[in-house]
Amino acid sequence: QVQLVESGGGLVQAGGSLRLSCAASGTIFEIS
């Protein structure tokens, strides 16, 4: 079982910044 969990979204004003993350877990083969 493979799962991707995202985080980092939100509300920002124009010109601002955000950092999104996505962590993969479970049975990982070769990541293409």
PDB file of all heavy atoms in Angstrom:
ATOM      1  N   GLN A   1       0.839  -1.178   0.000  1.00  0.00           N
ATOM      2  CA  GLN A   1       0.000   0.000   0.000  1.00  0.00           C
ATOM      3  C   GLN A   1       0.885   1.242   0.000  1.00  0.00           C
ATOM      4  O   GLN A   1       1.804   1.356   0.810  1.00  0.00           O
ATOM      5  CB  GLN A   1      -0.929   0.018   1.214  1.00  0.00           C
ATOM      6  CG  GLN A   1      -1.882   1.192   1.229  1.00  0.00           C
ATOM      7  CD  GLN A   1      -2.806   1.169   2.427  1.00  0.00           C
ATOM      8  OE1 GLN A   1      -2.627   0.383   3.353  1.00  0.00           O
ATOM      9  NE2 GLN A   1      -3.802   2.035   2.393  1.00  0.00           N
ATOM     10  N   VAL A   2       0.594   2.133  -0.903  1.00  0.00           N
ATOM     11  CA  VAL A   2       1.322   3.381  -1.019  1.00  0.00           C
ATOM     12  C   VAL A   2       0.381   4.529  -0.703  1.00  0.00           C
ATOM     13  O   VAL A   2      -0.768   4.554  -1.157  1.00  0.00           O
ATOM     14  CB  VAL A   2       1.915   3.560  -2.426  1.00  0.00           C
ATOM     15  CG1 VAL A   2       2.566   4.930  -2.560  1.00  0.00           C
ATOM     16  CG2 VAL A   2       2.924   2.451  -2.710  1.00  0.00           C
ATOM     17  N   GLN A   3       0.885   5.467   0.057  1.00  0.00           N
ATOM     18  CA  GLN A   3       0.081   6.615   0.420  1.00  0.00           C
ATOM     19  C   GLN A   3       0.912   7.882   0.297  1.00  0.00           C
ATOM     20  O   GLN A   3       2.079   7.917   0.679  1.00  0.00           O
ATOM     21  CB  GLN A   3      -0.444   6.475   1.847  1.00  0.00           C
ATOM     22  CG  GLN A   3      -1.392   7.581   2.273  1.00  0.00           C
ATOM     23  CD  GLN A   3      -1.961   7.351   3.661  1.00  0.00           C
ATOM     24  OE1 GLN A   3      -1.377   6.642   4.478  1.00  0.00           O
ATOM     25  NE2 GLN A   3      -3.109   7.960   3.932  1.00  0.00           N
ATOM     26  N   LEU A   4       0.299   8.910  -0.242  1.00  0.00           N
ATOM     27  CA  LEU A   4       0.921  10.217  -0.322  1.00  0.00           C
ATOM     28  C   LEU A   4       0.144  11.175   0.561  1.00  0.00           C
ATOM     29  O   LEU A   4      -1.071  11.316   0.410  1.00  0.00           O
ATOM     30  CB  LEU A   4       0.928  10.743  -1.758  1.00  0.00           C
ATOM     31  CG  LEU A   4       1.620   9.882  -2.822  1.00  0.00           C
ATOM     32  CD1 LEU A   4       1.517  10.556  -4.180  1.00  0.00           C
ATOM     33  CD2 LEU A   4       3.071   9.644  -2.455  1.00  0.00           C
ATOM     34  N   VAL A   5       0.841  11.826   1.466  1.00  0.00           N
ATOM     35  CA  VAL A   5       0.208  12.752   2.384  1.00  0.00           C
ATOM     36  C   VAL A   5       0.755  14.149   2.140  1.00  0.00           C
ATOM     37  O   VAL A   5       1.959  14.381   2.271  1.00  0.00           O
ATOM     38  CB  VAL A   5       0.432  12.345   3.847  1.00  0.00           C
ATOM     39  CG1 VAL A   5      -0.229  13.355   4.780  1.00  0.00           C
ATOM     40  CG2 VAL A   5      -0.132  10.953   4.095  1.00  0.00           C
ATOM     41  N   GLU A   6      -0.139  15.063   1.805  1.00  0.00           N
ATOM     42  CA  GLU A   6       0.246  16.424   1.490  1.00  0.00           C
ATOM     43  C   GLU A   6       0.010  17.353   2.668  1.00  0.00           C
ATOM     44  O   GLU A   6      -0.879  17.133   3.493  1.00  0.00           O
ATOM     45  CB  GLU A   6      -0.553  16.939   0.294  1.00  0.00           C
ATOM     46  CG  GLU A   6      -0.400  16.112  -0.965  1.00  0.00           C
ATOM     47  CD  GLU A   6      -1.221  16.678  -2.105  1.00  0.00           C
ATOM     48  OE1 GLU A   6      -1.419  17.911  -2.153  1.00  0.00           O
ATOM     49  OE2 GLU A   6      -1.666  15.890  -2.965  1.00  0.00           O
ATOM     50  N   SER A   7       0.778  18.420   2.693  1.00  0.00           N
ATOM     51  CA  SER A   7       0.602  19.447   3.699  1.00  0.00           C
ATOM     52  C   SER A   7       1.187  20.750   3.175  1.00  0.00           C
ATOM     53  O   SER A   7       1.930  20.763   2.194  1.00  0.00           O
ATOM     54  CB  SER A   7       1.272  19.062   5.021  1.00  0.00           C
ATOM     55  OG  SER A   7       2.672  18.916   4.857  1.00  0.00           O
ATOM     56  N   GLY A   8       0.852  21.835   3.839  1.00  0.00           N
ATOM     57  CA  GLY A   8       1.448  23.114   3.517  1.00  0.00           C
ATOM     58  C   GLY A   8       0.545  24.118   2.837  1.00  0.00           C
ATOM     59  O   GLY A   8       0.914  25.284   2.671  1.00  0.00           O
ATOM     60  N   GLY A   9      -0.633  23.689   2.425  1.00  0.00           N
ATOM     61  CA  GLY A   9      -1.546  24.614   1.784  1.00  0.00           C
ATOM     62  C   GLY A   9      -2.107  25.616   2.773  1.00  0.00           C
ATOM     63  O   GLY A   9      -1.947  25.485   3.982  1.00  0.00           O
ATOM     64  N   GLY A  10      -2.761  26.624   2.237  1.00  0.00           N
ATOM     65  CA  GLY A  10      -3.343  27.631   3.100  1.00  0.00           C
ATOM     66  C   GLY A  10      -3.749  28.864   2.330  1.00  0.00           C
ATOM     67  O   GLY A  10      -3.803  28.862   1.104  1.00  0.00           O
ATOM     68  N   LEU A  11      -4.038  29.901   3.074  1.00  0.00           N
ATOM     69  CA  LEU A  11      -4.457  31.175   2.513  1.00  0.00           C
ATOM     70  C   LEU A  11      -3.330  32.185   2.640  1.00  0.00           C
ATOM     71  O   LEU A  11      -2.802  32.402   3.739  1.00  0.00           O
ATOM     72  CB  LEU A  11      -5.704  31.687   3.236  1.00  0.00           C
ATOM     73  CG  LEU A  11      -6.194  33.085   2.888  1.00  0.00           C
ATOM     74  CD1 LEU A  11      -6.639  33.146   1.433  1.00  0.00           C
ATOM     75  CD2 LEU A  11      -7.330  33.489   3.817  1.00  0.00           C
ATOM     76  N   VAL A  12      -2.960  32.786   1.534  1.00  0.00           N
ATOM     77  CA  VAL A  12      -1.918  33.803   1.532  1.00  0.00           C
ATOM     78  C   VAL A  12      -2.341  34.969   0.662  1.00  0.00           C
ATOM     79  O   VAL A  12      -3.207  34.837  -0.213  1.00  0.00           O
ATOM     80  CB  VAL A  12      -0.562  33.259   1.035  1.00  0.00           C
ATOM     81  CG1 VAL A  12      -0.048  32.163   1.957  1.00  0.00           C
ATOM     82  CG2 VAL A  12      -0.698  32.735  -0.385  1.00  0.00           C
ATOM     83  N   GLN A  13      -1.725  36.100   0.891  1.00  0.00           N
ATOM     84  CA  GLN A  13      -1.960  37.254   0.050  1.00  0.00           C
ATOM     85  C   GLN A  13      -1.096  37.188  -1.199  1.00  0.00           C
ATOM     86  O   GLN A  13      -0.059  36.523  -1.219  1.00  0.00           O
ATOM     87  CB  GLN A  13      -1.658  38.543   0.813  1.00  0.00           C
ATOM     88  CG  GLN A  13      -2.598  38.824   1.969  1.00  0.00           C
ATOM     89  CD  GLN A  13      -2.301  40.141   2.648  1.00  0.00           C
ATOM     90  OE1 GLN A  13      -1.196  40.668   2.549  1.00  0.00           O
ATOM     91  NE2 GLN A  13      -3.290  40.682   3.342  1.00  0.00           N
ATOM     92  N   ALA A  14      -1.535  37.860  -2.231  1.00  0.00           N
ATOM     93  CA  ALA A  14      -0.747  37.930  -3.452  1.00  0.00           C
ATOM     94  C   ALA A  14       0.656  38.422  -3.136  1.00  0.00           C
ATOM     95  O   ALA A  14       0.840  39.363  -2.363  1.00  0.00           O
ATOM     96  CB  ALA A  14      -1.422  38.842  -4.468  1.00  0.00           C
ATOM     97  N   GLY A  15       1.633  37.772  -3.744  1.00  0.00           N
ATOM     98  CA  GLY A  15       3.018  38.105  -3.485  1.00  0.00           C
ATOM     99  C   GLY A  15       3.642  37.288  -2.378  1.00  0.00           C
ATOM    100  O   GLY A  15       4.870  37.326  -2.198  1.00  0.00           O
ATOM    101  N   GLY A  16       2.827  36.556  -1.665  1.00  0.00           N
ATOM    102  CA  GLY A  16       3.318  35.736  -0.577  1.00  0.00           C
ATOM    103  C   GLY A  16       3.895  34.428  -1.053  1.00  0.00           C
ATOM    104  O   GLY A  16       4.028  34.175  -2.253  1.00  0.00           O
ATOM    105  N   SER A  17       4.214  33.577  -0.105  1.00  0.00           N
ATOM    106  CA  SER A  17       4.833  32.306  -0.428  1.00  0.00           C
ATOM    107  C   SER A  17       4.269  31.188   0.427  1.00  0.00           C
ATOM    108  O   SER A  17       3.736  31.409   1.517  1.00  0.00           O
ATOM    109  CB  SER A  17       6.357  32.388  -0.245  1.00  0.00           C
ATOM    110  OG  SER A  17       6.692  32.663   1.102  1.00  0.00           O
ATOM    111  N   LEU A  18       4.399  29.987  -0.097  1.00  0.00           N
ATOM    112  CA  LEU A  18       4.003  28.777   0.607  1.00  0.00           C
ATOM    113  C   LEU A  18       4.949  27.662   0.211  1.00  0.00           C
ATOM    114  O   LEU A  18       5.537  27.689  -0.873  1.00  0.00           O
ATOM    115  CB  LEU A  18       2.573  28.354   0.257  1.00  0.00           C
ATOM    116  CG  LEU A  18       1.402  29.106   0.876  1.00  0.00           C
ATOM    117  CD1 LEU A  18       0.102  28.610   0.258  1.00  0.00           C
ATOM    118  CD2 LEU A  18       1.371  28.915   2.379  1.00  0.00           C
ATOM    119  N   ARG A  19       5.063  26.699   1.080  1.00  0.00           N
ATOM    120  CA  ARG A  19       5.843  25.510   0.782  1.00  0.00           C
ATOM    121  C   ARG A  19       4.962  24.282   0.973  1.00  0.00           C
ATOM    122  O   ARG A  19       4.514  24.012   2.087  1.00  0.00           O
ATOM    123  CB  ARG A  19       7.064  25.407   1.683  1.00  0.00           C
ATOM    124  CG  ARG A  19       8.021  24.281   1.298  1.00  0.00           C
ATOM    125  CD  ARG A  19       9.047  24.034   2.380  1.00  0.00           C
ATOM    126  NE  ARG A  19      10.145  23.198   1.908  1.00  0.00           N
ATOM    127  CZ  ARG A  19      10.966  22.516   2.696  1.00  0.00           C
ATOM    128  NH1 ARG A  19      10.829  22.593   4.014  1.00  0.00           N
ATOM    129  NH2 ARG A  19      11.932  21.785   2.185  1.00  0.00           N
ATOM    130  N   LEU A  20       4.744  23.570  -0.097  1.00  0.00           N
ATOM    131  CA  LEU A  20       3.968  22.355  -0.050  1.00  0.00           C
ATOM    132  C   LEU A  20       4.888  21.151   0.111  1.00  0.00           C
ATOM    133  O   LEU A  20       5.976  21.114  -0.452  1.00  0.00           O
ATOM    134  CB  LEU A  20       3.139  22.175  -1.319  1.00  0.00           C
ATOM    135  CG  LEU A  20       2.203  23.325  -1.709  1.00  0.00           C
ATOM    136  CD1 LEU A  20       1.406  22.934  -2.949  1.00  0.00           C
ATOM    137  CD2 LEU A  20       1.285  23.703  -0.564  1.00  0.00           C
ATOM    138  N   SER A  21       4.425  20.187   0.870  1.00  0.00           N
ATOM    139  CA  SER A  21       5.175  18.960   1.074  1.00  0.00           C
ATOM    140  C   SER A  21       4.287  17.775   0.755  1.00  0.00           C
ATOM    141  O   SER A  21       3.076  17.812   0.961  1.00  0.00           O
ATOM    142  CB  SER A  21       5.669  18.842   2.522  1.00  0.00           C
ATOM    143  OG  SER A  21       6.525  19.907   2.871  1.00  0.00           O
ATOM    144  N   CYS A  22       4.904  16.730   0.275  1.00  0.00           N
ATOM    145  CA  CYS A  22       4.183  15.497  -0.011  1.00  0.00           C
ATOM    146  C   CYS A  22       5.095  14.331   0.322  1.00  0.00           C
ATOM    147  O   CYS A  22       6.120  14.133  -0.337  1.00  0.00           O
ATOM    148  CB  CYS A  22       3.753  15.449  -1.477  1.00  0.00           C
ATOM    149  SG  CYS A  22       2.939  13.914  -1.957  1.00  0.00           S
ATOM    150  N   ALA A  23       4.722  13.584   1.331  1.00  0.00           N
ATOM    151  CA  ALA A  23       5.529  12.466   1.791  1.00  0.00           C
ATOM    152  C   ALA A  23       4.906  11.146   1.369  1.00  0.00           C
ATOM    153  O   ALA A  23       3.723  10.904   1.609  1.00  0.00           O
ATOM    154  CB  ALA A  23       5.682  12.510   3.310  1.00  0.00           C
ATOM    155  N   ALA A  24       5.709  10.311   0.763  1.00  0.00           N
ATOM    156  CA  ALA A  24       5.257   8.993   0.328  1.00  0.00           C
ATOM    157  C   ALA A  24       5.622   7.940   1.363  1.00  0.00           C
ATOM    158  O   ALA A  24       6.724   7.950   1.918  1.00  0.00           O
ATOM    159  CB  ALA A  24       5.878   8.634  -1.015  1.00  0.00           C
ATOM    160  N   SER A  25       4.701   7.052   1.614  1.00  0.00           N
ATOM    161  CA  SER A  25       4.948   5.964   2.540  1.00  0.00           C
ATOM    162  C   SER A  25       4.363   4.676   1.986  1.00  0.00           C
ATOM    163  O   SER A  25       3.547   4.696   1.073  1.00  0.00           O
ATOM    164  CB  SER A  25       4.346   6.262   3.915  1.00  0.00           C
ATOM    165  OG  SER A  25       2.936   6.387   3.838  1.00  0.00           O
ATOM    166  N   GLY A  26       4.775   3.567   2.565  1.00  0.00           N
ATOM    167  CA  GLY A  26       4.302   2.279   2.109  1.00  0.00           C
ATOM    168  C   GLY A  26       5.368   1.561   1.303  1.00  0.00           C
ATOM    169  O   GLY A  26       6.559   1.805   1.469  1.00  0.00           O
ATOM    170  N   THR A  27       4.916   0.687   0.446  1.00  0.00           N
ATOM    171  CA  THR A  27       5.832  -0.074  -0.387  1.00  0.00           C
ATOM    172  C   THR A  27       6.262   0.760  -1.576  1.00  0.00           C
ATOM    173  O   THR A  27       5.473   1.033  -2.479  1.00  0.00           O
ATOM    174  CB  THR A  27       5.179  -1.378  -0.873  1.00  0.00           C
ATOM    175  OG1 THR A  27       4.760  -2.150   0.255  1.00  0.00           O
ATOM    176  CG2 THR A  27       6.172  -2.189  -1.694  1.00  0.00           C
ATOM    177  N   ILE A  28       7.513   1.159  -1.542  1.00  0.00           N
ATOM    178  CA  ILE A  28       8.043   2.033  -2.577  1.00  0.00           C
ATOM    179  C   ILE A  28       8.972   1.246  -3.492  1.00  0.00           C
ATOM    180  O   ILE A  28       9.944   0.641  -3.036  1.00  0.00           O
ATOM    181  CB  ILE A  28       8.793   3.225  -1.972  1.00  0.00           C
ATOM    182  CG1 ILE A  28       7.898   3.977  -0.979  1.00  0.00           C
ATOM    183  CG2 ILE A  28       9.285   4.150  -3.071  1.00  0.00           C
ATOM    184  CD1 ILE A  28       6.665   4.571  -1.601  1.00  0.00           C
ATOM    185  N   PHE A  29       8.655   1.270  -4.755  1.00  0.00           N
ATOM    186  CA  PHE A  29       9.545   0.699  -5.753  1.00  0.00           C
ATOM    187  C   PHE A  29      10.496   1.796  -6.216  1.00  0.00           C
ATOM    188  O   PHE A  29      10.781   2.720  -5.469  1.00  0.00           O
ATOM    189  CB  PHE A  29       8.732   0.130  -6.923  1.00  0.00           C
ATOM    190  CG  PHE A  29       7.632  -0.786  -6.499  1.00  0.00           C
ATOM    191  CD1 PHE A  29       6.308  -0.469  -6.782  1.00  0.00           C
ATOM    192  CD2 PHE A  29       7.908  -1.954  -5.823  1.00  0.00           C
ATOM    193  CE1 PHE A  29       5.288  -1.318  -6.392  1.00  0.00           C
ATOM    194  CE2 PHE A  29       6.893  -2.807  -5.422  1.00  0.00           C
ATOM    195  CZ  PHE A  29       5.578  -2.485  -5.715  1.00  0.00           C
ATOM    196  N   GLU A  30      10.965   1.680  -7.406  1.00  0.00           N
ATOM    197  CA  GLU A  30      11.789   2.740  -7.957  1.00  0.00           C
ATOM    198  C   GLU A  30      10.905   3.935  -8.294  1.00  0.00           C
ATOM    199  O   GLU A  30       9.912   3.799  -8.999  1.00  0.00           O
ATOM    200  CB  GLU A  30      12.512   2.267  -9.217  1.00  0.00           C
ATOM    201  CG  GLU A  30      13.351   3.344  -9.879  1.00  0.00           C
ATOM    202  CD  GLU A  30      13.973   2.886 -11.172  1.00  0.00           C
ATOM    203  OE1 GLU A  30      13.872   1.684 -11.487  1.00  0.00           O
ATOM    204  OE2 GLU A  30      14.576   3.715 -11.873  1.00  0.00           O
ATOM    205  N   ILE A  31      11.263   5.082  -7.762  1.00  0.00           N
ATOM    206  CA  ILE A  31      10.498   6.286  -8.050  1.00  0.00           C
ATOM    207  C   ILE A  31      10.912   6.821  -9.415  1.00  0.00           C
ATOM    208  O   ILE A  31      12.043   7.250  -9.601  1.00  0.00           O
ATOM    209  CB  ILE A  31      10.706   7.355  -6.974  1.00  0.00           C
ATOM    210  CG1 ILE A  31      10.217   6.846  -5.615  1.00  0.00           C
ATOM    211  CG2 ILE A  31       9.969   8.635  -7.352  1.00  0.00           C
ATOM    212  CD1 ILE A  31      10.434   7.820  -4.480  1.00  0.00           C
ATOM    213  N   SER A  32       9.979   6.764 -10.331  1.00  0.00           N
ATOM    214  CA  SER A  32      10.240   7.298 -11.659  1.00  0.00           C
ATOM    215  C   SER A  32      10.139   8.814 -11.659  1.00  0.00           C
ATOM    216  O   SER A  32      10.960   9.496 -12.268  1.00  0.00           O
ATOM    217  CB  SER A  32       9.268   6.705 -12.678  1.00  0.00           C
ATOM    218  OG  SER A  32       9.515   7.228 -13.970  1.00  0.00           O
TER     219      SER A  32
END
